[in-house]
Each structure stands twice: as C-alpha cells, then as structure tokens.
Amino acid sequence: MLRILPLAGLIAALALGSCVSQRVALEDGFAWSYQNLESEGPKLAYGAPFSDNVVLMMTCDAGAGRARISLPGGSSEAGLILMSGRTSASLDGETVASPVAGHGLEVGTPLDARPMARFRRTGDLALVDRGRTVPIDARGSERAAVKRFFKACGRQT
C-alpha cells in the first residue's frame, strides 16, 4: 500500500519553520524518480527515494500528449499552480479518493504547456499554495529522469 504525504500538511509544517521567507523548500532527501513498467506506463514521482512516500506523481495520458498530475491531499477547491521560472499555469482538476491521504487532486495538462515545457528543459518546477512557493526542482541526475519521462510520454502520442 502506498504511504502518501499530503502536500497541504507538508506545506503547513514548512511554513511554521519558515515564517520569515515566502519561499520554502521541501525537506532534504526528496527527489524525482522515473519508472516505466509495462503494466503501468511511464511515471515521474517526487518523494522520498526507494519508498512509497510520494508528494506528486505524473503519469502519461496515452495518446493525448498530456500528463496527469496527482497531488495526494490536494483538493479541487484550491486547484494546483505549477511554476517553472517565470512561467506558471493554474490547473483545475477533480478531487479523488485516496486510500492513504483520504483525498487527492488530479489534474491534466498538455506536455507542451509553458511550465511543463520549461520543466522538461531545465528541471525547475515549483508548486504554489496560498502564496507560498514550494520548489521541487530536479537536480543533477534527476534531470535525466525528467527527460526520460517526457520522451516516453511523447512516444505514446
């Protein structure tokens, strides 16, 4: 069973420890990872490596040139704002049941949407929640995982 960390709780905890700054970061040790199982297709996840502790998951919408983003603990009331550099997109989605977090947010976005395209090129990505920017950048070797995800999703169109 997946153990999923709700983003809202994580952001609240980080905000308490970072009241001075409007820019907060997720705890050390979180990273981007890629997997492509034949039965599930390409997935790009941000969370604790070698665990089921996932903050955000991207999957391919087969044949659609789109990514499906799952945010455990998120809701359709707040939506999701993705930002990469100075590009951003406000994404509406649907609240879905989550066995661990109780609920989660699922949104769809084109792979070539401005923040997604820039994330593919640079590895820079942030979530914006209630005025706080939470960077989840792909660093070093994680950038190869990001590129592999986009390449694999592009093949499915």
N, C-alpha and C. Protein backbone atom coordinates (compact mmCIF):
# COMPACT_ATOMS: atom_id res chain seq x y z
N MET A 1 0.84 -1.17 0.00
CA MET A 1 0.00 0.00 0.00
C MET A 1 0.90 1.24 0.00
N LEU A 2 0.52 2.22 -0.78
CA LEU A 2 1.30 3.45 -0.85
C LEU A 2 1.09 4.29 0.40
N ARG A 3 2.17 4.81 0.95
CA ARG A 3 2.09 5.78 2.03
C ARG A 3 2.35 7.13 1.40
N ILE A 4 1.36 7.99 1.38
CA ILE A 4 1.45 9.25 0.66
C ILE A 4 1.41 10.41 1.64
N LEU A 5 2.31 11.36 1.45
CA LEU A 5 2.40 12.53 2.30
C LEU A 5 1.55 13.65 1.72
N PRO A 6 0.52 14.09 2.41
CA PRO A 6 -0.31 15.16 1.89
C PRO A 6 0.49 16.45 1.77
N LEU A 7 0.41 17.10 0.62
CA LEU A 7 1.16 18.33 0.39
C LEU A 7 0.71 19.44 1.31
N ALA A 8 -0.58 19.55 1.57
CA ALA A 8 -1.06 20.63 2.43
C ALA A 8 -0.42 20.55 3.81
N GLY A 9 -0.33 19.35 4.38
CA GLY A 9 0.29 19.18 5.69
C GLY A 9 1.77 19.49 5.64
N LEU A 10 2.43 19.07 4.56
CA LEU A 10 3.84 19.34 4.40
C LEU A 10 4.10 20.84 4.30
N ILE A 11 3.28 21.52 3.52
CA ILE A 11 3.46 22.97 3.36
C ILE A 11 3.22 23.68 4.69
N ALA A 12 2.20 23.24 5.43
CA ALA A 12 1.92 23.87 6.73
C ALA A 12 3.11 23.70 7.68
N ALA A 13 3.68 22.50 7.71
CA ALA A 13 4.84 22.26 8.58
C ALA A 13 6.02 23.12 8.16
N LEU A 14 6.23 23.23 6.87
CA LEU A 14 7.33 24.04 6.39
C LEU A 14 7.11 25.52 6.67
N ALA A 15 5.86 25.96 6.55
CA ALA A 15 5.56 27.36 6.79
C ALA A 15 5.84 27.74 8.24
N LEU A 16 5.53 26.84 9.18
CA LEU A 16 5.80 27.13 10.59
C LEU A 16 7.29 27.34 10.84
N GLY A 17 8.12 26.57 10.16
CA GLY A 17 9.57 26.70 10.35
C GLY A 17 10.18 27.77 9.48
N SER A 18 9.38 28.42 8.65
CA SER A 18 9.93 29.36 7.69
C SER A 18 9.06 30.61 7.58
N CYS A 19 8.66 31.18 8.71
CA CYS A 19 7.75 32.32 8.70
C CYS A 19 8.37 33.56 8.08
N VAL A 20 9.68 33.67 8.08
CA VAL A 20 10.34 34.86 7.56
C VAL A 20 10.30 34.91 6.04
N SER A 21 10.37 33.77 5.41
CA SER A 21 10.51 33.72 3.96
C SER A 21 9.21 33.32 3.28
N GLN A 22 8.94 33.90 2.12
CA GLN A 22 7.82 33.48 1.29
C GLN A 22 8.21 32.29 0.42
N ARG A 23 9.47 31.93 0.38
CA ARG A 23 9.94 30.81 -0.44
C ARG A 23 10.43 29.71 0.50
N VAL A 24 9.77 28.58 0.46
CA VAL A 24 10.14 27.46 1.32
C VAL A 24 10.57 26.29 0.47
N ALA A 25 11.29 25.37 1.05
CA ALA A 25 11.75 24.18 0.31
C ALA A 25 11.31 22.94 1.04
N LEU A 26 11.10 21.87 0.30
CA LEU A 26 10.78 20.59 0.92
C LEU A 26 12.01 20.04 1.60
N GLU A 27 11.78 19.15 2.54
CA GLU A 27 12.89 18.63 3.32
C GLU A 27 13.92 17.93 2.44
N ASP A 28 15.17 17.93 2.89
CA ASP A 28 16.23 17.26 2.17
C ASP A 28 15.91 15.78 2.04
N GLY A 29 16.36 15.20 0.97
CA GLY A 29 16.15 13.78 0.77
C GLY A 29 15.05 13.46 -0.21
N PHE A 30 14.17 14.42 -0.52
CA PHE A 30 13.15 14.18 -1.53
C PHE A 30 13.80 14.34 -2.90
N ALA A 31 13.33 13.55 -3.86
CA ALA A 31 13.94 13.57 -5.19
C ALA A 31 12.91 13.13 -6.24
N TRP A 32 13.25 13.40 -7.49
CA TRP A 32 12.45 12.92 -8.63
C TRP A 32 12.93 11.54 -9.02
N SER A 33 12.00 10.65 -9.33
CA SER A 33 12.36 9.32 -9.82
C SER A 33 11.42 8.94 -10.96
N TYR A 34 11.96 8.15 -11.87
CA TYR A 34 11.22 7.73 -13.07
C TYR A 34 11.12 6.22 -13.07
N GLN A 35 9.96 5.74 -13.48
CA GLN A 35 9.82 4.31 -13.74
C GLN A 35 8.87 4.13 -14.90
N ASN A 36 9.05 3.04 -15.62
CA ASN A 36 8.19 2.74 -16.76
C ASN A 36 7.94 1.24 -16.79
N LEU A 37 6.95 0.83 -16.03
CA LEU A 37 6.56 -0.56 -16.01
C LEU A 37 5.57 -0.80 -17.15
N GLU A 38 5.74 -1.88 -17.85
CA GLU A 38 4.87 -2.17 -18.99
C GLU A 38 3.40 -2.16 -18.60
N SER A 39 3.08 -2.63 -17.41
CA SER A 39 1.69 -2.70 -16.97
C SER A 39 1.11 -1.34 -16.55
N GLU A 40 1.98 -0.37 -16.24
CA GLU A 40 1.51 0.92 -15.73
C GLU A 40 1.87 2.10 -16.61
N GLY A 41 2.88 1.98 -17.44
CA GLY A 41 3.33 3.09 -18.26
C GLY A 41 4.29 4.00 -17.53
N PRO A 42 4.75 5.06 -18.20
CA PRO A 42 5.73 5.98 -17.62
C PRO A 42 5.16 6.77 -16.44
N LYS A 43 5.98 6.88 -15.39
CA LYS A 43 5.62 7.66 -14.20
C LYS A 43 6.82 8.45 -13.74
N LEU A 44 6.57 9.69 -13.31
CA LEU A 44 7.60 10.53 -12.73
C LEU A 44 7.07 10.97 -11.37
N ALA A 45 7.79 10.64 -10.31
CA ALA A 45 7.31 10.93 -8.97
C ALA A 45 8.32 11.78 -8.20
N TYR A 46 7.79 12.66 -7.35
CA TYR A 46 8.62 13.44 -6.44
C TYR A 46 8.30 12.97 -5.03
N GLY A 47 9.31 12.48 -4.32
CA GLY A 47 9.10 12.00 -2.96
C GLY A 47 10.38 11.45 -2.39
N ALA A 48 10.25 10.67 -1.34
CA ALA A 48 11.40 10.04 -0.69
C ALA A 48 11.84 8.85 -1.55
N PRO A 49 13.12 8.84 -1.98
CA PRO A 49 13.61 7.75 -2.83
C PRO A 49 13.45 6.38 -2.17
N PHE A 50 13.20 5.39 -3.01
CA PHE A 50 13.09 4.00 -2.57
C PHE A 50 12.01 3.80 -1.51
N SER A 51 10.93 4.59 -1.63
CA SER A 51 9.81 4.44 -0.71
C SER A 51 8.51 4.75 -1.46
N ASP A 52 7.41 4.57 -0.79
CA ASP A 52 6.11 4.94 -1.35
C ASP A 52 5.64 6.29 -0.83
N ASN A 53 6.53 7.07 -0.22
CA ASN A 53 6.22 8.38 0.31
C ASN A 53 6.30 9.39 -0.83
N VAL A 54 5.18 9.59 -1.54
CA VAL A 54 5.13 10.40 -2.75
C VAL A 54 4.34 11.68 -2.51
N VAL A 55 4.92 12.81 -2.93
CA VAL A 55 4.27 14.11 -2.81
C VAL A 55 3.50 14.44 -4.08
N LEU A 56 4.06 14.16 -5.24
CA LEU A 56 3.45 14.47 -6.53
C LEU A 56 3.82 13.37 -7.52
N MET A 57 2.85 12.97 -8.34
CA MET A 57 3.08 11.92 -9.34
C MET A 57 2.56 12.40 -10.69
N MET A 58 3.38 12.21 -11.73
CA MET A 58 2.97 12.49 -13.10
C MET A 58 2.89 11.18 -13.86
N THR A 59 1.80 11.01 -14.61
CA THR A 59 1.66 9.87 -15.50
C THR A 59 1.27 10.39 -16.87
N CYS A 60 1.41 9.56 -17.88
CA CYS A 60 1.06 9.95 -19.25
C CYS A 60 -0.40 9.65 -19.53
N ASP A 61 -1.07 10.57 -20.20
CA ASP A 61 -2.37 10.28 -20.79
C ASP A 61 -2.06 9.70 -22.17
N ALA A 62 -2.11 8.39 -22.29
CA ALA A 62 -1.70 7.70 -23.51
C ALA A 62 -2.43 8.27 -24.73
N GLY A 63 -1.64 8.63 -25.72
CA GLY A 63 -2.18 9.10 -26.99
C GLY A 63 -2.68 10.53 -26.98
N ALA A 64 -2.58 11.23 -25.86
CA ALA A 64 -3.16 12.56 -25.77
C ALA A 64 -2.13 13.69 -25.72
N GLY A 65 -0.82 13.37 -25.59
CA GLY A 65 0.19 14.42 -25.46
C GLY A 65 0.01 15.21 -24.18
N ARG A 66 -0.52 14.56 -23.15
CA ARG A 66 -0.81 15.22 -21.88
C ARG A 66 -0.23 14.42 -20.73
N ALA A 67 -0.05 15.09 -19.60
CA ALA A 67 0.35 14.43 -18.36
C ALA A 67 -0.81 14.55 -17.39
N ARG A 68 -0.95 13.53 -16.58
CA ARG A 68 -1.93 13.53 -15.49
C ARG A 68 -1.11 13.70 -14.21
N ILE A 69 -1.44 14.71 -13.42
CA ILE A 69 -0.70 15.00 -12.20
C ILE A 69 -1.58 14.68 -11.01
N SER A 70 -1.06 13.87 -10.09
CA SER A 70 -1.77 13.52 -8.86
C SER A 70 -1.07 14.18 -7.69
N LEU A 71 -1.86 14.81 -6.85
CA LEU A 71 -1.36 15.52 -5.68
C LEU A 71 -2.12 15.02 -4.45
N PRO A 72 -1.58 14.01 -3.77
CA PRO A 72 -2.26 13.47 -2.59
C PRO A 72 -2.50 14.57 -1.55
N GLY A 73 -3.71 14.60 -1.01
CA GLY A 73 -4.05 15.61 -0.01
C GLY A 73 -4.56 16.91 -0.61
N GLY A 74 -4.42 17.09 -1.93
CA GLY A 74 -4.92 18.29 -2.58
C GLY A 74 -6.41 18.19 -2.82
N SER A 75 -7.03 19.32 -3.18
CA SER A 75 -8.47 19.30 -3.48
C SER A 75 -8.77 20.22 -4.64
N SER A 76 -9.91 19.98 -5.28
CA SER A 76 -10.30 20.78 -6.44
C SER A 76 -10.63 22.21 -6.04
N GLU A 77 -10.93 22.46 -4.75
CA GLU A 77 -11.22 23.82 -4.31
C GLU A 77 -10.01 24.72 -4.47
N ALA A 78 -8.83 24.22 -4.13
CA ALA A 78 -7.61 25.02 -4.22
C ALA A 78 -6.97 24.93 -5.60
N GLY A 79 -7.19 23.83 -6.32
CA GLY A 79 -6.53 23.65 -7.61
C GLY A 79 -5.03 23.47 -7.41
N LEU A 80 -4.30 23.64 -8.49
CA LEU A 80 -2.86 23.47 -8.46
C LEU A 80 -2.22 24.52 -9.35
N ILE A 81 -1.22 25.21 -8.82
CA ILE A 81 -0.45 26.15 -9.64
C ILE A 81 0.94 25.58 -9.78
N LEU A 82 1.34 25.33 -11.02
CA LEU A 82 2.70 24.89 -11.33
C LEU A 82 3.46 26.09 -11.84
N MET A 83 4.72 26.22 -11.42
CA MET A 83 5.54 27.32 -11.87
C MET A 83 6.93 26.80 -12.23
N SER A 84 7.46 27.29 -13.33
CA SER A 84 8.83 26.99 -13.72
C SER A 84 9.42 28.29 -14.23
N GLY A 85 10.42 28.80 -13.52
CA GLY A 85 10.95 30.12 -13.87
C GLY A 85 9.84 31.14 -13.70
N ARG A 86 9.63 31.93 -14.71
CA ARG A 86 8.56 32.95 -14.66
C ARG A 86 7.28 32.48 -15.34
N THR A 87 7.24 31.23 -15.77
CA THR A 87 6.02 30.70 -16.39
C THR A 87 5.20 29.97 -15.33
N SER A 88 3.90 30.11 -15.42
CA SER A 88 3.04 29.41 -14.47
C SER A 88 1.74 29.01 -15.15
N ALA A 89 1.08 28.04 -14.55
CA ALA A 89 -0.23 27.61 -15.03
C ALA A 89 -1.07 27.23 -13.82
N SER A 90 -2.29 27.75 -13.79
CA SER A 90 -3.24 27.40 -12.75
C SER A 90 -4.10 26.27 -13.32
N LEU A 91 -4.07 25.11 -12.65
CA LEU A 91 -4.74 23.93 -13.17
C LEU A 91 -5.89 23.52 -12.27
N ASP A 92 -7.05 23.37 -12.87
CA ASP A 92 -8.21 22.87 -12.15
C ASP A 92 -8.30 21.38 -12.39
N GLY A 93 -8.81 20.68 -11.43
CA GLY A 93 -8.93 19.24 -11.57
C GLY A 93 -10.08 18.73 -10.74
N GLU A 94 -9.98 17.47 -10.40
CA GLU A 94 -11.04 16.86 -9.62
C GLU A 94 -10.47 16.23 -8.36
N THR A 95 -11.24 16.30 -7.29
CA THR A 95 -10.86 15.64 -6.06
C THR A 95 -11.22 14.17 -6.19
N VAL A 96 -10.27 13.31 -5.87
CA VAL A 96 -10.48 11.87 -5.98
C VAL A 96 -10.17 11.23 -4.64
N ALA A 97 -10.71 10.04 -4.43
CA ALA A 97 -10.44 9.29 -3.20
C ALA A 97 -9.00 8.81 -3.21
N SER A 98 -8.37 8.86 -2.05
CA SER A 98 -7.01 8.37 -1.88
C SER A 98 -7.01 7.44 -0.67
N PRO A 99 -6.54 6.21 -0.81
CA PRO A 99 -6.61 5.27 0.30
C PRO A 99 -5.82 5.70 1.53
N VAL A 100 -4.77 6.49 1.34
CA VAL A 100 -3.93 6.88 2.48
C VAL A 100 -4.23 8.31 2.93
N ALA A 101 -4.30 9.24 1.97
CA ALA A 101 -4.49 10.65 2.31
C ALA A 101 -5.96 11.02 2.49
N GLY A 102 -6.87 10.10 2.19
CA GLY A 102 -8.28 10.40 2.27
C GLY A 102 -8.82 10.97 0.97
N HIS A 103 -8.10 11.94 0.42
CA HIS A 103 -8.47 12.53 -0.86
C HIS A 103 -7.21 13.05 -1.54
N GLY A 104 -7.34 13.32 -2.81
CA GLY A 104 -6.22 13.88 -3.56
C GLY A 104 -6.76 14.66 -4.74
N LEU A 105 -5.91 15.42 -5.37
CA LEU A 105 -6.27 16.21 -6.54
C LEU A 105 -5.63 15.58 -7.77
N GLU A 106 -6.42 15.45 -8.83
CA GLU A 106 -5.88 15.02 -10.12
C GLU A 106 -6.19 16.08 -11.15
N VAL A 107 -5.15 16.48 -11.89
CA VAL A 107 -5.30 17.48 -12.95
C VAL A 107 -4.62 16.94 -14.20
N GLY A 108 -5.04 17.45 -15.33
CA GLY A 108 -4.38 17.13 -16.59
C GLY A 108 -3.79 18.38 -17.19
N THR A 109 -2.68 18.24 -17.89
CA THR A 109 -2.05 19.37 -18.55
C THR A 109 -1.30 18.89 -19.79
N PRO A 110 -1.31 19.69 -20.84
CA PRO A 110 -0.52 19.31 -22.02
C PRO A 110 0.97 19.23 -21.68
N LEU A 111 1.66 18.29 -22.28
CA LEU A 111 3.10 18.17 -22.06
C LEU A 111 3.84 19.42 -22.52
N ASP A 112 3.27 20.12 -23.52
CA ASP A 112 3.94 21.31 -24.03
C ASP A 112 3.43 22.62 -23.40
N ALA A 113 2.64 22.53 -22.33
CA ALA A 113 2.24 23.74 -21.60
C ALA A 113 3.50 24.43 -21.12
N ARG A 114 3.49 25.75 -21.04
CA ARG A 114 4.72 26.51 -20.75
C ARG A 114 5.50 26.03 -19.53
N PRO A 115 4.87 25.87 -18.34
CA PRO A 115 5.69 25.41 -17.21
C PRO A 115 6.19 23.98 -17.39
N MET A 116 5.40 23.13 -18.04
CA MET A 116 5.83 21.74 -18.26
C MET A 116 7.00 21.70 -19.25
N ALA A 117 6.91 22.49 -20.32
CA ALA A 117 7.99 22.52 -21.31
C ALA A 117 9.28 23.05 -20.69
N ARG A 118 9.16 24.06 -19.85
CA ARG A 118 10.36 24.61 -19.20
C ARG A 118 10.91 23.62 -18.17
N PHE A 119 10.04 22.92 -17.44
CA PHE A 119 10.47 21.88 -16.51
C PHE A 119 11.25 20.80 -17.26
N ARG A 120 10.77 20.44 -18.41
CA ARG A 120 11.47 19.44 -19.23
C ARG A 120 12.88 19.91 -19.59
N ARG A 121 13.00 21.19 -19.97
CA ARG A 121 14.30 21.73 -20.39
C ARG A 121 15.25 21.98 -19.23
N THR A 122 14.74 22.50 -18.11
CA THR A 122 15.62 23.00 -17.05
C THR A 122 15.59 22.17 -15.76
N GLY A 123 14.52 21.42 -15.54
CA GLY A 123 14.35 20.70 -14.28
C GLY A 123 13.77 21.56 -13.18
N ASP A 124 13.49 22.84 -13.47
CA ASP A 124 12.95 23.75 -12.47
C ASP A 124 11.43 23.62 -12.40
N LEU A 125 10.91 23.37 -11.20
CA LEU A 125 9.47 23.28 -11.01
C LEU A 125 9.15 23.65 -9.57
N ALA A 126 8.04 24.34 -9.38
CA ALA A 126 7.57 24.70 -8.05
C ALA A 126 6.05 24.59 -8.01
N LEU A 127 5.54 24.32 -6.83
CA LEU A 127 4.12 24.35 -6.56
C LEU A 127 3.84 25.63 -5.79
N VAL A 128 2.71 26.27 -6.07
CA VAL A 128 2.34 27.47 -5.33
C VAL A 128 1.07 27.15 -4.56
N ASP A 129 1.11 27.38 -3.26
CA ASP A 129 -0.03 27.12 -2.40
C ASP A 129 -0.20 28.28 -1.43
N ARG A 130 -1.35 28.93 -1.50
CA ARG A 130 -1.67 30.04 -0.60
C ARG A 130 -0.56 31.08 -0.52
N GLY A 131 -0.01 31.44 -1.68
CA GLY A 131 1.01 32.47 -1.73
C GLY A 131 2.42 32.00 -1.44
N ARG A 132 2.60 30.77 -1.09
CA ARG A 132 3.93 30.22 -0.82
C ARG A 132 4.40 29.40 -1.99
N THR A 133 5.65 29.59 -2.35
CA THR A 133 6.27 28.83 -3.43
C THR A 133 7.08 27.69 -2.84
N VAL A 134 6.77 26.48 -3.27
CA VAL A 134 7.46 25.29 -2.77
C VAL A 134 8.24 24.68 -3.93
N PRO A 135 9.56 24.91 -3.98
CA PRO A 135 10.36 24.36 -5.09
C PRO A 135 10.51 22.85 -4.98
N ILE A 136 10.34 22.21 -6.12
CA ILE A 136 10.57 20.76 -6.21
C ILE A 136 11.44 20.49 -7.44
N ASP A 137 12.49 21.26 -7.57
CA ASP A 137 13.38 21.20 -8.73
C ASP A 137 14.06 19.84 -8.85
N ALA A 138 14.25 19.43 -10.09
CA ALA A 138 15.05 18.23 -10.38
C ALA A 138 16.51 18.67 -10.44
N ARG A 139 17.34 18.03 -9.63
CA ARG A 139 18.76 18.39 -9.56
C ARG A 139 19.62 17.27 -10.11
N GLY A 140 20.77 17.62 -10.65
CA GLY A 140 21.76 16.65 -11.09
C GLY A 140 21.18 15.53 -11.93
N SER A 141 21.38 14.30 -11.48
CA SER A 141 20.93 13.13 -12.24
C SER A 141 19.42 13.02 -12.32
N GLU A 142 18.68 13.72 -11.47
CA GLU A 142 17.22 13.70 -11.54
C GLU A 142 16.72 14.29 -12.86
N ARG A 143 17.48 15.20 -13.45
CA ARG A 143 17.07 15.80 -14.72
C ARG A 143 16.96 14.77 -15.83
N ALA A 144 17.81 13.75 -15.78
CA ALA A 144 17.72 12.66 -16.76
C ALA A 144 16.39 11.93 -16.61
N ALA A 145 15.91 11.75 -15.37
CA ALA A 145 14.63 11.10 -15.14
C ALA A 145 13.49 11.92 -15.74
N VAL A 146 13.57 13.24 -15.59
CA VAL A 146 12.55 14.13 -16.15
C VAL A 146 12.53 14.00 -17.67
N LYS A 147 13.70 14.05 -18.29
CA LYS A 147 13.78 13.95 -19.75
C LYS A 147 13.27 12.60 -20.23
N ARG A 148 13.57 11.52 -19.51
CA ARG A 148 13.09 10.18 -19.90
C ARG A 148 11.57 10.12 -19.84
N PHE A 149 10.98 10.73 -18.83
CA PHE A 149 9.52 10.75 -18.71
C PHE A 149 8.90 11.44 -19.91
N PHE A 150 9.36 12.64 -20.22
CA PHE A 150 8.78 13.39 -21.34
C PHE A 150 9.00 12.66 -22.67
N LYS A 151 10.16 12.07 -22.83
CA LYS A 151 10.43 11.32 -24.06
C LYS A 151 9.49 10.13 -24.18
N ALA A 152 9.32 9.39 -23.08
CA ALA A 152 8.43 8.22 -23.10
C ALA A 152 6.99 8.64 -23.35
N CYS A 153 6.54 9.74 -22.75
CA CYS A 153 5.17 10.21 -22.98
C CYS A 153 4.98 10.68 -24.41
N GLY A 154 6.01 11.29 -24.98
CA GLY A 154 5.92 11.74 -26.36
C GLY A 154 5.77 10.60 -27.34
N ARG A 155 6.33 9.46 -27.01
CA ARG A 155 6.22 8.28 -27.88
C ARG A 155 4.81 7.70 -27.87
N GLN A 156 4.06 7.99 -26.83
CA GLN A 156 2.73 7.42 -26.70
C GLN A 156 1.69 8.19 -27.51
N THR A 157 2.05 9.34 -28.06
CA THR A 157 1.06 10.13 -28.81
C THR A 157 0.91 9.63 -30.22
